[in-house]
Amino acid sequence: PEEEPLIPLRGYAWSGGGRRVIRVDVSLDGGDTWRTADLDRRGADQPAKRAWAWTPWELDVDVDDLEDGDLQVCCKAVDDSYNSQPEHIRPIWNMRGLLNNAWYRSTITIRRGKNGDDVQSENPRPPDGVAATEGTPSTE
């Protein structure tokens, strides 16, 4: 059998306060549905209340599950106190711009060749209407 073509999505997450990241959720449709990413054990196995390092994560997406066009990719982290990043920074924004990490968002464009067997993805870019510097996400 022929191998399914995969697109790897990778990033890193951090919580703060020494709390471990226990889950990273990734959406390919702007937040309507979510998939759970695999956490790198080196980050996920940090001691409780002493988790000061980034936790790398990875999710392989089957190309056959994707349609041509723009994917609105979002990701959010959950820590061991079950804190989760909010959808937007508006409710938590502050004058100094600190501690306002919302869902990380990016748009990836998928294009297939004429036969459908050549799949290309363009580099991520911020979604329409979102400035590249709007908040500093803790998942990328």
Protein backbone atom coordinates (compact mmCIF):
# COMPACT_ATOMS: atom_id res chain seq x y z
CA PRO A 1 0.00 0.00 0.00
CA GLU A 2 1.09 3.53 -0.79
CA GLU A 3 1.97 5.78 2.16
CA GLU A 4 -0.42 8.59 2.99
CA PRO A 5 1.22 11.98 2.39
CA LEU A 6 1.51 13.93 5.65
CA ILE A 7 2.10 17.57 6.48
CA PRO A 8 3.95 17.97 9.80
CA LEU A 9 2.80 20.80 12.07
CA ARG A 10 5.25 21.55 14.87
CA GLY A 11 5.59 24.12 17.59
CA TYR A 12 6.26 24.67 21.25
CA ALA A 13 4.19 25.66 24.26
CA TRP A 14 4.85 27.13 27.68
CA SER A 15 2.52 27.95 30.54
CA GLY A 16 4.28 29.95 33.24
CA GLY A 17 4.30 29.74 37.01
CA GLY A 18 6.16 26.43 36.77
CA ARG A 19 3.06 24.65 35.44
CA ARG A 20 3.53 21.83 32.90
CA VAL A 21 1.81 21.85 29.53
CA ILE A 22 -0.35 18.73 29.48
CA ARG A 23 -2.07 19.18 26.10
CA VAL A 24 -1.86 21.19 22.89
CA ASP A 25 -4.93 21.33 20.66
CA VAL A 26 -4.67 22.20 16.96
CA SER A 27 -7.51 23.26 14.68
CA LEU A 28 -7.40 23.37 10.88
CA ASP A 29 -10.72 25.18 10.51
CA GLY A 30 -10.35 28.31 12.60
CA GLY A 31 -11.34 26.67 15.89
CA ASP A 32 -14.49 24.74 14.93
CA THR A 33 -12.89 21.31 15.48
CA TRP A 34 -9.71 20.31 17.35
CA ARG A 35 -7.07 17.59 17.21
CA THR A 36 -4.67 16.76 20.04
CA ALA A 37 -0.96 17.11 19.23
CA ASP A 38 1.74 14.77 20.50
CA LEU A 39 3.92 16.33 23.22
CA ASP A 40 7.66 15.78 23.33
CA ARG A 41 8.34 13.85 26.55
CA ARG A 42 11.34 16.05 27.43
CA GLY A 43 8.97 18.97 27.96
CA ALA A 44 5.93 17.10 29.18
CA ASP A 45 7.86 15.16 31.86
CA GLN A 46 9.12 18.23 33.72
CA PRO A 47 8.62 18.13 37.50
CA ALA A 48 5.35 19.52 38.86
CA LYS A 49 5.54 23.22 39.80
CA ARG A 50 9.05 23.35 38.27
CA ALA A 51 8.25 23.23 34.54
CA TRP A 52 10.27 26.17 33.22
CA ALA A 53 11.14 24.88 29.73
CA TRP A 54 9.19 24.97 26.47
CA THR A 55 7.28 21.81 25.57
CA PRO A 56 7.70 20.91 21.88
CA TRP A 57 4.64 19.43 20.15
CA GLU A 58 3.91 17.84 16.79
CA LEU A 59 0.86 16.85 14.74
CA ASP A 60 1.02 15.07 11.38
CA VAL A 61 -1.94 15.94 9.17
CA ASP A 62 -3.05 13.59 6.38
CA VAL A 63 -3.09 15.55 3.12
CA ASP A 64 -6.14 13.60 1.95
CA ASP A 65 -8.10 15.20 4.82
CA LEU A 66 -7.42 18.68 3.42
CA GLU A 67 -9.04 20.61 0.64
CA ASP A 68 -7.27 23.08 -1.64
CA GLY A 69 -7.26 26.63 -0.39
CA ASP A 70 -6.53 28.36 2.88
CA LEU A 71 -6.37 26.46 6.16
CA GLN A 72 -7.03 28.59 9.23
CA VAL A 73 -4.67 26.89 11.69
CA CYS A 74 -5.12 27.64 15.41
CA CYS A 75 -3.42 26.11 18.40
CA LYS A 76 -3.88 26.45 22.13
CA ALA A 77 -2.15 24.98 25.15
CA VAL A 78 -3.57 23.59 28.40
CA ASP A 79 -1.48 23.37 31.58
CA ASP A 80 -1.61 21.05 34.60
CA SER A 81 -3.96 23.47 36.41
CA TYR A 82 -6.27 23.19 33.37
CA ASN A 83 -5.69 26.80 32.37
CA SER A 84 -6.26 27.23 28.65
CA GLN A 85 -5.43 30.07 26.31
CA PRO A 86 -8.41 32.27 25.46
CA GLU A 87 -9.54 32.68 21.86
CA HIS A 88 -8.63 36.39 21.75
CA ILE A 89 -6.39 38.71 23.78
CA ARG A 90 -9.04 41.43 24.09
CA PRO A 91 -10.38 40.30 27.49
CA ILE A 92 -6.91 39.90 29.01
CA TRP A 93 -4.97 42.70 27.27
CA ASN A 94 -3.13 45.10 29.53
CA MET A 95 -1.22 48.33 29.00
CA ARG A 96 2.20 46.68 29.31
CA GLY A 97 1.27 43.87 26.91
CA LEU A 98 2.20 41.17 29.41
CA LEU A 99 0.59 37.78 29.96
CA ASN A 100 -1.82 38.14 27.08
CA ASN A 101 -1.31 34.90 25.18
CA ALA A 102 -4.30 33.86 23.09
CA TRP A 103 -4.71 31.12 20.49
CA TYR A 104 -1.90 31.23 17.97
CA ARG A 105 -3.34 31.61 14.46
CA SER A 106 -1.83 31.19 11.03
CA THR A 107 -3.06 30.66 7.49
CA ILE A 108 -1.52 27.95 5.32
CA THR A 109 -2.47 27.67 1.63
CA ILE A 110 -2.75 24.17 0.13
CA ARG A 111 -2.53 23.63 -3.63
CA ARG A 112 -2.66 20.32 -5.49
CA GLY A 113 -1.24 19.64 -8.93
CA LYS A 114 -3.47 18.80 -11.91
CA ASN A 115 -3.41 15.09 -11.07
CA GLY A 116 -3.97 15.71 -7.36
CA ASP A 117 -0.72 13.96 -6.47
CA ASP A 118 1.54 17.00 -6.07
CA VAL A 119 0.63 18.92 -2.94
CA GLN A 120 2.27 22.22 -2.06
CA SER A 121 1.83 24.31 1.04
CA GLU A 122 2.82 27.95 1.29
CA ASN A 123 4.60 29.37 4.30
CA PRO A 124 2.36 30.30 7.22
CA ARG A 125 1.15 33.87 7.44
CA PRO A 126 -1.10 35.67 9.92
CA PRO A 127 -4.81 35.30 9.13
CA ASP A 128 -6.56 38.18 7.42
CA GLY A 129 -7.31 41.04 9.79
CA VAL A 130 -4.73 39.99 12.41
CA ALA A 131 -1.49 41.88 12.77
CA ALA A 132 1.62 39.72 12.94
CA THR A 133 2.50 41.29 16.29
CA GLU A 134 -0.95 41.04 17.92
CA GLY A 135 -0.09 39.40 21.24
CA THR A 136 2.74 37.00 21.88
CA PRO A 137 1.35 33.47 21.73
CA SER A 138 2.65 30.71 23.93
CA THR A 139 2.03 28.15 21.20
CA GLU A 140 3.54 28.47 17.74
